[in-house]
C-alpha cells in the first residue's frame, strides 16, 4: 500500500514537472515565433558580395569592400581560377556608379537557387528604382556559379557564417534597440511583419534600410571588426560605437514615418538649405536632411541610456563624421533634443517632442553659422626655438574651454593627441573668444608639423558659443623658417 502510494506521488510529481517544462517550452517557442528581428546570412547575398569583392574596383577601393581578414583571403584564393570570368568586368562598378553597385549587391536578396542550381528571382524587390543589374547579368552570374563551384564553397563555410551571425546577435543590442524605438515612437511593425538584418562581412560602406514587401523590412548592414575576429576583444566603448550602423538604419523605420506625420510643421519650420552642405539628402522638401539629423540625435539618446560612461565621447565622434558628410550642425541639433528629452514629462516620448524641436529649429536657423579658423591659413612660417607661441583667429566667438585637443602630426610617422591647457601650454583666450593662444615645443628633427582639430578621438573640441563645431578635420601647417 505504501509502495503504491509512493508510486502515485512520484508519477504526480513527474507530471507537474513535465507540465511546467512544457509550459516553459511553449512560452519560449511562442516568444520566438513572435520575434520580429531575425539575423540572416543568405547564400545569394553572399554570392553577390563575393563577386563584387573579386572585381578590380572591389580590390582597389579602400572602403567599399572590407579587405585583409582571413575569410577575405580565403575567398580570393578559392576563386582565383575564375578571376578572368567576363562577369567580373561587367560588374566592375565605381563610386560614381554607386546605384548599380548597391542594387547588384542588395537585389540578390530576392533570388534563390532552384532544383537545377539555377538562380531564379523569388519575389519582386529592387533596392533602387530604375536599376536591376542582378537581373541584367543573370546568365553570366549562373555561369560564374557553375564554373567557380560557388555552392560548394558556401557549404564548406557554413560554420563560419553561423558563428558570425551568432556573435552579431549577442553583441549588437537588437532587442534593446527595438524596445527603445517602440517605446519612443510607437509600434511600427506588427507581429505578422518581419524585420530582417542581412549580413555579409564584405559590406564596408553603404548600409541601407529597405522595405522588401508589404510585410518585410530589412537592414543590409556593416559588421563590426570584432564580430569577425577571435582575437579582438569586445568592450562597451567599441560596441557603443559600432551599433550605430544598425541603429541608424533601424531608426529610420521609426523616425521617417513620424516626420511624415508632422510634414506641415517640417515644411514650415525646417529650412534644409540652411542645415545642409551638399550631403545629397536635400530632396523631398528637406525631409531627408531633417530625418538624418533626427536619426543621429536619437542614437545619442540611446547611448545615454545604455552606455552612459561613453555616450559623450562616442556621440561626439559620430558628430564629427556627420559634419564631414555635409550635416554641419549635428552637435547643436543633438544637444537640443537631449535637453528637451531630459526636461520632458514622464508620459512624453520622443515622438511628442517633434513640435518643440521644430519650434526651436525655426528660431535657431535664423542665425545659423559655421565657425572657421581664419588664421593661420593652410601654412604659416615660424622659427622653432624652445616653446613656440601659436595664435589662432576664429570667424566668431568660441567657447573658452580650459582644454583643447589637437592631433599633432608630421605627415609621416608622428601622430599624437595633445590636450592643450593653461598650466602646460599657457593656453589663453581673448576676451571676445575669437582668439586663442598656446605654446608648444616642436621636435627639431622635422621641418613642418600639422595641427588638426575636431576629428575622431578628440575629447575637447573647438566649438562656438552657439554650440557649433568648427569643420571636422580642420587643420593648419606650421613650417620652420
Protein backbone atom coordinates (compact mmCIF):
# COMPACT_ATOMS: atom_id res chain seq x y z
CA UNK A 1 0.00 0.00 0.00
CA UNK A 2 2.81 2.38 0.89
CA UNK A 3 4.66 1.39 -2.29
CA UNK A 4 1.57 2.18 -4.43
CA UNK A 5 1.07 5.50 -2.65
CA UNK A 6 4.72 6.42 -3.14
CA UNK A 7 4.45 5.48 -6.81
CA UNK A 8 1.36 7.67 -7.25
CA UNK A 9 3.19 10.60 -5.59
CA UNK A 10 6.20 10.09 -7.88
CA UNK A 11 4.04 9.95 -11.02
CA UNK A 12 2.13 13.04 -9.87
CA UNK A 13 5.37 14.94 -9.20
CA UNK A 14 6.81 13.98 -12.56
CA UNK A 15 3.59 15.10 -14.24
CA UNK A 16 3.85 18.52 -12.60
CA UNK A 17 7.50 18.83 -13.66
CA UNK A 18 6.63 17.79 -17.21
CA UNK A 19 3.70 20.23 -17.29
CA UNK A 20 5.84 23.14 -16.07
CA UNK A 21 8.58 22.22 -18.52
CA UNK A 22 6.07 22.03 -21.36
CA UNK A 23 4.62 25.44 -20.42
CA UNK A 24 8.07 26.99 -20.29
CA UNK A 25 8.92 25.48 -23.66
CA UNK A 26 5.64 26.70 -25.10
CA UNK A 27 6.29 30.20 -23.78
CA UNK A 28 9.78 30.15 -25.28
CA UNK A 29 8.50 28.92 -28.64
CA UNK A 30 5.73 31.50 -28.54
CA UNK A 31 8.22 34.28 -27.81
CA UNK A 32 10.50 33.13 -30.61
CA UNK A 33 7.62 32.86 -33.06
CA UNK A 34 6.71 36.48 -32.36
CA UNK A 35 10.31 37.72 -32.63
CA UNK A 36 10.39 40.33 -35.36
CA UNK A 37 14.13 40.81 -35.74
CA UNK A 38 16.00 37.95 -37.36
CA UNK A 39 19.64 37.86 -38.41
CA UNK A 40 20.23 36.32 -41.83
CA UNK A 41 23.25 35.28 -43.87
CA UNK A 42 21.67 34.49 -47.27
CA UNK A 43 23.55 32.43 -49.82
CA UNK A 44 22.61 34.63 -52.78
CA UNK A 45 23.56 37.82 -50.92
CA UNK A 46 26.96 36.34 -50.10
CA UNK A 47 27.34 35.36 -53.75
CA UNK A 48 26.78 38.96 -54.86
CA UNK A 49 29.26 40.29 -52.30
CA UNK A 50 31.91 37.74 -53.28
CA UNK A 51 31.52 38.69 -56.94
CA UNK A 52 31.93 42.38 -56.14
CA UNK A 53 34.95 41.63 -53.92
CA UNK A 54 36.64 39.93 -56.90
CA UNK A 55 36.26 42.91 -59.24
CA UNK A 56 39.06 45.43 -59.79
CA UNK A 57 37.02 48.11 -58.03
CA UNK A 58 36.32 45.79 -55.11
CA UNK A 59 40.05 45.10 -54.73
CA UNK A 60 41.28 48.68 -55.07
CA UNK A 61 38.72 50.86 -53.27
CA UNK A 62 39.68 51.00 -49.59
CA UNK A 63 36.15 51.43 -48.21
CA UNK A 64 33.70 49.61 -50.46
CA UNK A 65 34.73 46.02 -49.65
CA UNK A 66 36.25 45.02 -46.32
CA UNK A 67 39.66 43.54 -47.03
CA UNK A 68 42.62 41.92 -45.32
CA UNK A 69 40.93 39.42 -42.98
CA UNK A 70 41.12 35.60 -43.08
CA UNK A 71 37.82 34.97 -44.85
CA UNK A 72 38.62 37.62 -47.48
CA UNK A 73 41.94 35.91 -48.21
CA UNK A 74 40.20 32.54 -48.41
CA UNK A 75 37.72 33.90 -50.97
CA UNK A 76 40.46 35.43 -53.11
CA UNK A 77 42.36 32.13 -53.12
CA UNK A 78 39.37 29.87 -53.79
CA UNK A 79 38.03 31.94 -56.68
CA UNK A 80 41.42 32.60 -58.29
CA UNK A 81 40.70 30.13 -61.16
CA UNK A 82 37.77 32.32 -62.30
CA UNK A 83 39.30 35.77 -61.81
CA UNK A 84 39.14 36.32 -65.59
CA UNK A 85 35.45 35.47 -65.81
CA UNK A 86 33.65 38.04 -68.02
CA UNK A 87 31.11 38.75 -65.24
CA UNK A 88 33.81 40.49 -63.18
CA UNK A 89 34.41 43.06 -65.90
CA UNK A 90 30.69 43.57 -66.45
CA UNK A 91 30.02 44.44 -62.80
CA UNK A 92 33.24 46.37 -62.17
CA UNK A 93 31.45 49.44 -60.79
CA UNK A 94 32.81 52.62 -59.15
CA UNK A 95 31.87 55.30 -56.63
CA UNK A 96 30.18 57.22 -59.43
CA UNK A 97 28.05 54.14 -60.25
CA UNK A 98 27.03 53.52 -56.67
CA UNK A 99 23.35 52.90 -57.54
CA UNK A 100 24.33 49.95 -59.73
CA UNK A 101 26.75 48.62 -57.13
CA UNK A 102 24.23 48.84 -54.31
CA UNK A 103 21.45 47.39 -56.47
CA UNK A 104 23.56 44.43 -57.62
CA UNK A 105 24.52 43.66 -54.04
CA UNK A 106 21.10 44.14 -52.47
CA UNK A 107 18.77 42.83 -55.20
CA UNK A 108 20.46 39.43 -54.89
CA UNK A 109 18.38 39.00 -51.74
CA UNK A 110 15.33 38.45 -53.95
CA UNK A 111 16.85 35.41 -55.70
CA UNK A 112 17.18 31.73 -54.83
CA UNK A 113 18.55 28.54 -56.36
CA UNK A 114 16.09 26.15 -57.98
CA UNK A 115 16.34 22.36 -58.13
CA UNK A 116 18.77 22.67 -61.06
CA UNK A 117 21.10 25.00 -59.15
CA UNK A 118 19.99 27.88 -61.34
CA UNK A 119 19.31 31.31 -59.86
CA UNK A 120 15.72 32.47 -60.19
CA UNK A 121 14.01 35.61 -58.95
CA UNK A 122 11.89 34.64 -55.95
CA UNK A 123 9.95 37.90 -55.48
CA UNK A 124 9.85 41.47 -56.73
CA UNK A 125 12.26 43.69 -54.85
CA UNK A 126 14.60 46.38 -56.20
CA UNK A 127 16.91 48.40 -53.96
CA UNK A 128 16.99 51.42 -56.27
CA UNK A 129 14.22 52.39 -58.65
CA UNK A 130 15.32 52.15 -62.28
CA UNK A 131 18.21 49.75 -61.64
CA UNK A 132 18.20 45.94 -61.93
CA UNK A 133 21.81 44.87 -62.61
CA UNK A 134 21.48 41.46 -60.96
CA UNK A 135 18.65 40.58 -63.36
CA UNK A 136 20.57 42.03 -66.30
CA UNK A 137 23.61 39.83 -65.62
CA UNK A 138 21.76 36.70 -64.53
CA UNK A 139 23.10 34.44 -67.30
CA UNK A 140 26.69 35.44 -66.53
CA UNK A 141 26.07 35.01 -62.79
CA UNK A 142 24.73 31.49 -63.29
CA UNK A 143 27.74 30.68 -65.43
CA UNK A 144 30.04 32.04 -62.74
CA UNK A 145 28.30 29.93 -60.07
CA UNK A 146 28.83 26.75 -62.08
CA UNK A 147 32.44 27.38 -63.12
CA UNK A 148 33.57 28.59 -59.69
CA UNK A 149 31.82 25.86 -57.66
CA UNK A 150 30.40 28.64 -55.51
CA UNK A 151 27.76 26.49 -53.82
CA UNK A 152 30.38 24.04 -52.59
CA UNK A 153 32.36 26.94 -51.15
CA UNK A 154 29.32 28.31 -49.36
CA UNK A 155 28.54 24.89 -47.88
CA UNK A 156 32.13 24.46 -46.69
CA UNK A 157 32.00 27.76 -44.78
CA UNK A 158 28.60 27.46 -43.08
CA UNK A 159 30.16 27.11 -39.64
CA UNK A 160 31.88 30.46 -40.17
CA UNK A 161 28.65 32.11 -41.33
CA UNK A 162 26.78 30.75 -38.31
CA UNK A 163 29.47 31.94 -35.89
CA UNK A 164 29.36 35.45 -37.39
CA UNK A 165 25.57 35.57 -37.16
CA UNK A 166 25.54 34.32 -33.57
CA UNK A 167 28.19 36.76 -32.38
CA UNK A 168 26.42 39.62 -34.13
CA UNK A 169 23.16 38.79 -32.35
CA UNK A 170 24.91 38.59 -28.97
CA UNK A 171 26.71 41.93 -29.22
CA UNK A 172 24.52 44.38 -31.15
CA UNK A 173 21.68 45.18 -28.71
CA UNK A 174 18.98 44.18 -31.20
CA UNK A 175 16.16 43.76 -28.69
CA UNK A 176 17.17 46.85 -26.71
CA UNK A 177 17.10 48.96 -29.88
CA UNK A 178 13.66 47.82 -30.89
CA UNK A 179 12.24 48.18 -27.37
CA UNK A 180 13.64 51.71 -27.09
CA UNK A 181 12.37 52.82 -30.51
CA UNK A 182 8.96 51.24 -29.99
CA UNK A 183 8.57 52.98 -26.64
CA UNK A 184 9.60 56.38 -28.05
CA UNK A 185 7.83 56.27 -31.43
CA UNK A 186 5.15 53.61 -31.15
CA UNK A 187 4.89 50.19 -32.73
CA UNK A 188 5.78 50.38 -36.41
CA UNK A 189 5.81 46.65 -37.12
CA UNK A 190 3.04 44.22 -36.21
CA UNK A 191 3.61 40.66 -35.02
CA UNK A 192 2.82 39.45 -38.52
CA UNK A 193 5.58 41.53 -40.06
CA UNK A 194 9.24 40.53 -40.31
CA UNK A 195 12.34 42.59 -39.62
CA UNK A 196 15.48 41.08 -41.12
CA UNK A 197 19.10 42.06 -40.55
CA UNK A 198 21.09 40.80 -43.54
CA UNK A 199 24.82 40.15 -43.16
CA UNK A 200 27.95 39.75 -45.23
CA UNK A 201 31.44 40.55 -43.89
CA UNK A 202 32.36 42.23 -47.19
CA UNK A 203 29.90 45.12 -46.75
CA UNK A 204 32.07 48.02 -45.62
CA UNK A 205 30.13 51.03 -46.90
CA UNK A 206 26.57 51.95 -47.82
CA UNK A 207 24.37 50.37 -45.17
CA UNK A 208 20.79 50.52 -46.36
CA UNK A 209 17.27 50.09 -44.97
CA UNK A 210 14.66 48.78 -47.40
CA UNK A 211 11.05 47.63 -47.50
CA UNK A 212 11.21 44.16 -49.03
CA UNK A 213 7.44 43.83 -49.39
CA UNK A 214 4.34 44.92 -47.50
CA UNK A 215 5.18 42.57 -44.62
CA UNK A 216 9.00 42.63 -44.50
CA UNK A 217 11.70 45.22 -43.92
CA UNK A 218 15.44 44.58 -43.97
CA UNK A 219 18.66 46.29 -42.99
CA UNK A 220 21.69 45.41 -45.11
CA UNK A 221 24.38 46.26 -42.63
CA UNK A 222 28.12 46.54 -41.92
CA UNK A 223 29.52 44.04 -39.42
CA UNK A 224 31.96 45.35 -36.76
CA UNK A 225 35.53 44.05 -37.00
CA UNK A 226 35.38 42.41 -33.57
CA UNK A 227 32.48 40.20 -34.69
CA UNK A 228 34.68 38.79 -37.45
CA UNK A 229 37.74 38.18 -35.28
CA UNK A 230 38.57 35.76 -32.50
CA UNK A 231 41.50 37.92 -31.39
CA UNK A 232 39.76 41.30 -30.99
CA UNK A 233 38.12 41.53 -27.58
CA UNK A 234 34.84 43.40 -27.24
CA UNK A 235 34.30 46.26 -24.83
CA UNK A 236 31.42 48.65 -24.19
CA UNK A 237 33.05 51.56 -26.00
CA UNK A 238 33.57 49.53 -29.19
CA UNK A 239 30.02 48.19 -29.03
CA UNK A 240 28.58 51.67 -28.42
CA UNK A 241 30.48 52.89 -31.48
CA UNK A 242 29.66 50.03 -33.81
CA UNK A 243 25.93 49.65 -33.12
CA UNK A 244 25.36 52.97 -34.86
CA UNK A 245 25.41 51.06 -38.18
CA UNK A 246 22.29 49.13 -37.34
CA UNK A 247 20.63 51.66 -35.05
CA UNK A 248 20.68 54.49 -37.57
CA UNK A 249 19.16 52.22 -40.22
CA UNK A 250 16.53 50.69 -37.94
CA UNK A 251 15.86 54.17 -36.57
CA UNK A 252 14.72 55.41 -39.99
CA UNK A 253 11.84 52.95 -39.82
CA UNK A 254 10.52 54.95 -36.85
CA UNK A 255 11.78 58.49 -37.47
CA UNK A 256 10.70 58.79 -41.11
CA UNK A 257 7.02 57.88 -40.54
CA UNK A 258 6.91 60.27 -37.58
CA UNK A 259 8.36 63.07 -39.70
CA UNK A 260 5.67 62.39 -42.29
CA UNK A 261 3.03 62.85 -39.60
CA UNK A 262 4.49 66.30 -38.87
CA UNK A 263 5.21 67.18 -42.50
CA UNK A 264 3.41 70.53 -42.36
CA UNK A 265 5.49 71.61 -39.37
CA UNK A 266 8.68 70.35 -41.03
CA UNK A 267 7.89 72.30 -44.20
CA UNK A 268 7.16 75.42 -42.17
CA UNK A 269 9.92 75.31 -39.56
CA UNK A 270 12.90 73.49 -41.08
CA UNK A 271 14.79 75.06 -43.98
CA UNK A 272 17.02 72.24 -45.20
CA UNK A 273 19.08 74.64 -47.31
CA UNK A 274 20.35 76.25 -44.10
CA UNK A 275 21.19 72.95 -42.41
CA UNK A 276 22.73 71.10 -45.33
CA UNK A 277 26.05 71.43 -47.16
CA UNK A 278 25.92 69.15 -50.21
CA UNK A 279 25.05 65.98 -48.28
CA UNK A 280 22.98 64.59 -51.16
CA UNK A 281 19.93 64.26 -48.88
CA UNK A 282 18.34 67.62 -49.65
CA UNK A 283 15.35 66.28 -51.56
CA UNK A 284 11.64 65.79 -50.85
CA UNK A 285 11.12 69.20 -49.23
CA UNK A 286 14.12 68.72 -46.96
CA UNK A 287 12.66 65.70 -45.17
CA UNK A 288 15.80 63.67 -45.90
CA UNK A 289 18.04 66.23 -44.18
CA UNK A 290 15.77 66.53 -41.14
CA UNK A 291 15.49 62.75 -40.84
CA UNK A 292 19.27 62.36 -40.81
CA UNK A 293 19.68 64.93 -38.05
CA UNK A 294 16.88 63.37 -36.01
CA UNK A 295 18.09 59.82 -36.56
CA UNK A 296 21.54 60.54 -35.24
CA UNK A 297 20.27 62.62 -32.33
CA UNK A 298 18.03 59.73 -31.25
CA UNK A 299 21.09 57.45 -31.42
CA UNK A 300 22.82 59.75 -28.91
CA UNK A 301 19.86 59.42 -26.54
CA UNK A 302 20.08 55.63 -26.83
CA UNK A 303 23.79 55.89 -25.95
CA UNK A 304 22.94 57.90 -22.83
CA UNK A 305 20.53 55.16 -21.78
CA UNK A 306 22.74 52.11 -22.36
CA UNK A 307 26.33 53.42 -22.43
CA UNK A 308 26.40 56.42 -20.05
CA UNK A 309 30.17 56.19 -19.47
CA UNK A 310 30.98 56.50 -23.17
CA UNK A 311 27.98 58.36 -24.59
CA UNK A 312 29.60 61.80 -24.79
CA UNK A 313 32.82 60.58 -26.38
CA UNK A 314 31.21 58.21 -28.88
CA UNK A 315 28.43 60.64 -29.76
CA UNK A 316 30.98 63.40 -30.38
CA UNK A 317 32.97 61.15 -32.73
CA UNK A 318 29.89 60.48 -34.83
CA UNK A 319 29.10 64.21 -34.82
CA UNK A 320 32.49 64.74 -36.48
CA UNK A 321 31.57 62.07 -39.01
CA UNK A 322 28.19 63.65 -39.78
CA UNK A 323 29.79 67.06 -40.17
CA UNK A 324 32.10 65.59 -42.81
CA UNK A 325 29.03 64.22 -44.65
CA UNK A 326 27.53 67.68 -45.06
CA UNK A 327 25.38 67.86 -41.91
CA UNK A 328 27.19 70.80 -40.37
CA UNK A 329 25.22 71.27 -37.15
CA UNK A 330 24.97 67.77 -35.61
CA UNK A 331 26.12 68.71 -32.13
CA UNK A 332 23.82 71.73 -31.97
CA UNK A 333 20.80 69.67 -33.04
CA UNK A 334 21.62 66.70 -30.80
CA UNK A 335 22.18 68.79 -27.68
CA UNK A 336 18.81 70.50 -28.11
CA UNK A 337 16.98 67.18 -28.45
CA UNK A 338 18.83 65.87 -25.38
CA UNK A 339 17.80 68.97 -23.43
CA UNK A 340 14.16 68.57 -24.40
CA UNK A 341 14.27 64.85 -23.61
CA UNK A 342 15.76 65.42 -20.16
CA UNK A 343 13.11 68.06 -19.39
CA UNK A 344 10.09 66.17 -20.73
CA UNK A 345 7.16 64.91 -18.67
CA UNK A 346 7.22 61.21 -17.76
CA UNK A 347 4.39 60.43 -20.16
CA UNK A 348 6.03 62.26 -23.08
CA UNK A 349 8.07 60.45 -25.72
CA UNK A 350 10.49 61.47 -28.44
CA UNK A 351 7.58 61.48 -30.86
CA UNK A 352 5.81 64.05 -28.66
CA UNK A 353 8.87 66.32 -28.79
CA UNK A 354 8.69 66.91 -32.54
CA UNK A 355 6.66 70.16 -32.29
CA UNK A 356 9.00 71.60 -29.65
CA UNK A 357 12.05 70.56 -31.68
CA UNK A 358 10.66 72.15 -34.82
CA UNK A 359 9.79 75.36 -32.97
CA UNK A 360 13.44 75.50 -31.94
CA UNK A 361 14.79 74.86 -35.48
CA UNK A 362 12.56 77.67 -36.77
CA UNK A 363 14.21 80.14 -34.39
CA UNK A 364 17.80 78.90 -34.33
CA UNK A 365 18.13 78.69 -38.12
CA UNK A 366 17.68 82.47 -38.38
CA UNK A 367 21.23 82.82 -37.07
CA UNK A 368 23.00 79.61 -38.09
CA UNK A 369 26.70 79.99 -38.83
CA UNK A 370 29.68 77.67 -39.11
CA UNK A 371 32.78 78.87 -37.21
CA UNK A 372 36.05 78.78 -39.13
CA UNK A 373 39.75 79.14 -38.47
CA UNK A 374 40.68 82.30 -40.40
CA UNK A 375 44.32 82.35 -39.29
CA UNK A 376 46.69 80.57 -39.69
CA UNK A 377 45.63 79.78 -43.25
CA UNK A 378 46.98 76.50 -44.58
CA UNK A 379 50.69 77.16 -43.93
CA UNK A 380 52.46 79.53 -41.52
CA UNK A 381 56.21 80.06 -41.21
CA UNK A 382 57.57 80.24 -37.66
CA UNK A 383 61.06 79.92 -36.25
CA UNK A 384 61.21 76.87 -33.95
CA UNK A 385 63.06 77.75 -30.74
CA UNK A 386 62.08 76.26 -27.40
CA UNK A 387 58.43 76.79 -26.68
CA UNK A 388 56.81 78.38 -29.72
CA UNK A 389 53.70 80.54 -29.43
CA UNK A 390 50.81 79.73 -31.78
CA UNK A 391 47.89 82.11 -32.29
CA UNK A 392 44.60 81.04 -33.85
CA UNK A 393 41.94 83.50 -35.02
CA UNK A 394 38.32 82.44 -35.48
CA UNK A 395 35.47 83.82 -37.55
CA UNK A 396 33.20 84.14 -34.50
CA UNK A 397 33.31 83.85 -30.68
CA UNK A 398 34.22 80.39 -29.39
CA UNK A 399 33.54 78.65 -26.09
CA UNK A 400 36.51 79.42 -23.86
CA UNK A 401 37.34 75.82 -22.95
CA UNK A 402 40.09 75.20 -20.43
CA UNK A 403 41.39 72.32 -22.55
CA UNK A 404 41.54 71.88 -26.33
CA UNK A 405 42.53 68.65 -28.07
CA UNK A 406 44.72 68.79 -31.16
CA UNK A 407 46.08 65.97 -33.29
CA UNK A 408 49.77 66.81 -33.69
CA UNK A 409 51.49 65.15 -36.67
CA UNK A 410 54.31 65.47 -39.14
CA UNK A 411 52.57 63.90 -42.15
CA UNK A 412 54.77 60.81 -41.86
CA UNK A 413 55.19 58.77 -38.69
CA UNK A 414 54.28 61.11 -35.87
CA UNK A 415 50.60 61.35 -34.92
CA UNK A 416 49.57 62.01 -31.34
CA UNK A 417 46.69 63.58 -29.43
CA UNK A 418 47.70 66.53 -27.26
CA UNK A 419 45.39 68.18 -24.73
CA UNK A 420 46.42 71.82 -24.66
CA UNK A 421 45.78 73.57 -21.32
CA UNK A 422 46.79 76.66 -19.37
CA UNK A 423 49.27 75.03 -16.99
CA UNK A 424 51.39 73.19 -19.56
CA UNK A 425 50.81 75.23 -22.70
CA UNK A 426 49.85 78.66 -21.38
CA UNK A 427 46.53 78.36 -23.21
CA UNK A 428 44.69 81.70 -23.22
CA UNK A 429 41.53 83.05 -24.85
CA UNK A 430 40.90 86.64 -25.83
CA UNK A 431 38.04 88.39 -24.05
CA UNK A 432 35.74 88.10 -27.07
CA UNK A 433 36.57 84.41 -27.61
CA UNK A 434 37.78 84.95 -31.19
CA UNK A 435 41.49 84.44 -30.49
CA UNK A 436 43.31 81.50 -28.90
CA UNK A 437 46.99 81.37 -27.91
CA UNK A 438 49.07 78.44 -26.71
CA UNK A 439 52.70 77.37 -26.55
CA UNK A 440 54.29 74.12 -27.65
CA UNK A 441 57.81 72.79 -28.05
CA UNK A 442 58.44 71.41 -31.54
CA UNK A 443 60.79 68.47 -32.07
CA UNK A 444 63.70 69.81 -34.12
CA UNK A 445 64.09 66.86 -36.49
CA UNK A 446 61.21 67.91 -38.80
CA UNK A 447 60.73 70.95 -40.98
CA UNK A 448 56.95 71.12 -40.63
CA UNK A 449 54.07 69.96 -38.42
CA UNK A 450 50.29 69.84 -38.68
CA UNK A 451 47.66 70.74 -36.11
CA UNK A 452 44.32 69.03 -36.73
CA UNK A 453 41.13 69.66 -34.77
CA UNK A 454 37.73 68.03 -34.32
CA UNK A 455 38.33 64.55 -35.60
CA UNK A 456 37.86 61.02 -34.24
CA UNK A 457 39.36 60.69 -30.79
CA UNK A 458 39.13 64.42 -29.99
CA UNK A 459 37.72 64.73 -26.47
CA UNK A 460 37.89 68.53 -26.18
CA UNK A 461 36.74 70.06 -29.48
CA UNK A 462 36.71 73.59 -30.79
CA UNK A 463 33.11 74.74 -30.63
CA UNK A 464 31.47 78.16 -30.95
CA UNK A 465 29.49 79.95 -28.29
CA UNK A 466 26.39 79.00 -30.27
CA UNK A 467 27.27 75.31 -29.85
CA UNK A 468 28.52 74.67 -33.40
CA UNK A 469 31.68 72.65 -34.04
CA UNK A 470 34.32 74.02 -36.39
CA UNK A 471 34.58 71.90 -39.53
CA UNK A 472 35.66 68.35 -38.77
CA UNK A 473 39.29 67.75 -39.63
CA UNK A 474 40.20 71.45 -39.78
CA UNK A 475 43.97 71.86 -39.78
CA UNK A 476 46.87 74.19 -40.44
CA UNK A 477 50.56 73.64 -41.10
CA UNK A 478 53.50 75.20 -39.23
CA UNK A 479 56.78 75.39 -41.18
CA UNK A 480 60.17 76.06 -39.62
CA UNK A 481 61.60 79.09 -41.41
